[in-house]
Amino acid sequence: MIKVLIVDDHEMVRLGISSYLGIQQDIEVIGEAENGADGRDQALADRPDVILMDLKMPKMDGVTATKEILASWPQARVIILTSFIDDELVYPAMAAGAAGTYSRPVRRRKLRTQSATRCGDRARLPPK
């Protein structure tokens, strides 16, 4: 069973992702957080297999949360899920150690298969 934590400030986004992943036989959504600080705390306490992380959130953004999670738990698999395609926003998250990125909207099948795949490996960061 793949344990997933969803970190996004939009309740409807969390609900949609959680509902879809929740019906998958091999995925369990173990928690949700509405900002990077709460997401960091939950990730470090619960140690999910995959953390789906938004970039722009109140209290703490996704890049900072990713850095802090990986500083305390280098084996964490953080996947950035964002509506921003701008390299200036996505590249810092990858440089911080995120295992991959999805731009919203993401297809359901891709979210499911890539979450499982990223559970076991990290994406390589291309040279800037």
Protein backbone atom coordinates (compact mmCIF):
# COMPACT_ATOMS: atom_id res chain seq x y z
CA MET A 1 0.00 0.00 0.00
CA ILE A 2 1.37 3.41 -1.02
CA LYS A 3 0.74 6.04 1.66
CA VAL A 4 0.14 9.57 0.32
CA LEU A 5 0.02 12.98 2.00
CA ILE A 6 -1.67 15.83 0.07
CA VAL A 7 -0.47 19.40 0.80
CA ASP A 8 -2.47 22.12 -0.97
CA ASP A 9 -4.18 25.29 0.22
CA HIS A 10 -7.27 24.71 -1.96
CA GLU A 11 -9.76 22.47 -0.19
CA MET A 12 -11.46 21.38 -3.42
CA VAL A 13 -8.13 20.32 -4.93
CA ARG A 14 -7.34 18.26 -1.84
CA LEU A 15 -10.82 16.75 -1.90
CA GLY A 16 -10.61 15.84 -5.59
CA ILE A 17 -7.17 14.25 -5.35
CA SER A 18 -8.04 12.48 -2.12
CA SER A 19 -11.30 11.12 -3.55
CA TYR A 20 -9.60 9.81 -6.68
CA LEU A 21 -6.60 8.27 -4.94
CA GLY A 22 -8.81 6.91 -2.17
CA ILE A 23 -10.57 4.52 -4.56
CA GLN A 24 -7.29 3.02 -5.79
CA GLN A 25 -6.63 -0.42 -4.34
CA ASP A 26 -2.93 0.17 -3.68
CA ILE A 27 -3.00 3.80 -2.49
CA GLU A 28 -4.04 5.16 0.90
CA VAL A 29 -4.35 8.90 1.55
CA ILE A 30 -3.09 9.19 5.12
CA GLY A 31 -3.51 12.93 5.51
CA GLU A 32 -4.04 16.39 4.12
CA ALA A 33 -2.56 19.77 4.99
CA GLU A 34 -3.55 23.25 3.87
CA ASN A 35 -0.13 24.91 4.05
CA GLY A 36 3.54 24.05 3.85
CA ALA A 37 4.21 24.30 7.59
CA ASP A 38 1.44 21.85 8.49
CA GLY A 39 2.47 19.64 5.57
CA ARG A 40 6.06 19.54 6.78
CA ASP A 41 4.97 18.63 10.30
CA GLN A 42 2.60 15.92 9.09
CA ALA A 43 5.14 14.48 6.66
CA LEU A 44 7.81 14.21 9.34
CA ALA A 45 5.37 12.69 11.84
CA ASP A 46 3.60 10.23 9.51
CA ARG A 47 6.38 9.41 6.97
CA PRO A 48 4.18 8.86 3.89
CA ASP A 49 5.61 7.13 0.81
CA VAL A 50 4.68 10.12 -1.40
CA ILE A 51 3.97 13.76 -0.58
CA LEU A 52 1.96 15.70 -3.18
CA MET A 53 2.95 19.34 -2.59
CA ASP A 54 1.55 22.59 -4.00
CA LEU A 55 4.00 25.47 -4.56
CA LYS A 56 2.06 28.59 -3.57
CA MET A 57 0.53 28.33 -0.08
CA PRO A 58 0.12 30.50 3.01
CA LYS A 59 2.42 30.23 6.07
CA MET A 60 5.08 28.28 4.13
CA ASP A 61 5.43 27.69 0.40
CA GLY A 62 6.04 24.29 -1.17
CA VAL A 63 9.72 24.91 -1.95
CA THR A 64 10.54 25.78 1.67
CA ALA A 65 8.46 22.87 2.96
CA THR A 66 10.23 20.49 0.56
CA LYS A 67 13.66 21.73 1.68
CA GLU A 68 12.77 21.35 5.36
CA ILE A 69 11.25 17.88 4.90
CA LEU A 70 14.28 16.63 2.96
CA ALA A 71 16.73 18.19 5.44
CA SER A 72 15.18 16.10 8.22
CA TRP A 73 14.20 13.08 6.13
CA PRO A 74 16.34 12.71 2.96
CA GLN A 75 14.44 9.60 1.79
CA ALA A 76 11.14 11.52 1.43
CA ARG A 77 9.52 11.56 -2.01
CA VAL A 78 7.97 14.97 -2.65
CA ILE A 79 6.09 15.53 -5.90
CA ILE A 80 5.22 19.12 -6.76
CA LEU A 81 1.63 19.53 -7.95
CA THR A 82 1.04 23.03 -9.27
CA SER A 83 -0.86 25.12 -11.79
CA PHE A 84 2.33 27.09 -12.52
CA ILE A 85 4.45 26.04 -15.48
CA ASP A 86 6.94 28.88 -14.96
CA ASP A 87 10.51 27.55 -14.57
CA GLU A 88 11.22 30.29 -12.03
CA LEU A 89 8.72 28.61 -9.70
CA VAL A 90 9.21 24.95 -10.56
CA TYR A 91 13.02 24.84 -10.85
CA PRO A 92 13.66 25.82 -7.19
CA ALA A 93 11.42 22.96 -6.08
CA MET A 94 13.36 20.49 -8.19
CA ALA A 95 16.65 21.95 -6.96
CA ALA A 96 15.37 21.51 -3.39
CA GLY A 97 15.10 17.78 -4.08
CA ALA A 98 11.53 17.19 -5.27
CA ALA A 99 11.16 13.81 -6.98
CA GLY A 100 9.08 15.29 -9.81
CA THR A 101 6.43 17.78 -10.83
CA TYR A 102 2.92 17.70 -12.26
CA SER A 103 1.25 20.73 -13.73
CA ARG A 104 -2.48 20.98 -13.10
CA PRO A 105 -4.69 19.85 -14.57
CA VAL A 106 -3.11 16.41 -14.42
CA ARG A 107 -4.77 13.34 -15.90
CA ARG A 108 -6.03 10.88 -13.29
CA ARG A 109 -4.13 7.92 -14.70
CA LYS A 110 -0.86 9.89 -14.81
CA LEU A 111 -1.30 11.02 -11.20
CA ARG A 112 -1.89 7.45 -10.08
CA THR A 113 0.89 5.75 -12.05
CA GLN A 114 3.50 8.45 -11.50
CA SER A 115 2.78 8.59 -7.77
CA ALA A 116 3.53 4.88 -7.60
CA THR A 117 6.61 5.20 -9.82
CA ARG A 118 8.07 8.16 -7.94
CA CYS A 119 7.66 6.23 -4.74
CA GLY A 120 10.77 4.30 -5.74
CA ASP A 121 13.00 6.83 -7.47
CA ARG A 122 13.84 10.49 -7.90
CA ALA A 123 13.64 12.47 -11.11
CA ARG A 124 16.90 13.88 -12.38
CA LEU A 125 17.20 17.63 -12.46
CA PRO A 126 18.25 18.88 -15.90
CA PRO A 127 21.00 21.52 -16.07
CA LYS A 128 19.64 25.06 -15.92
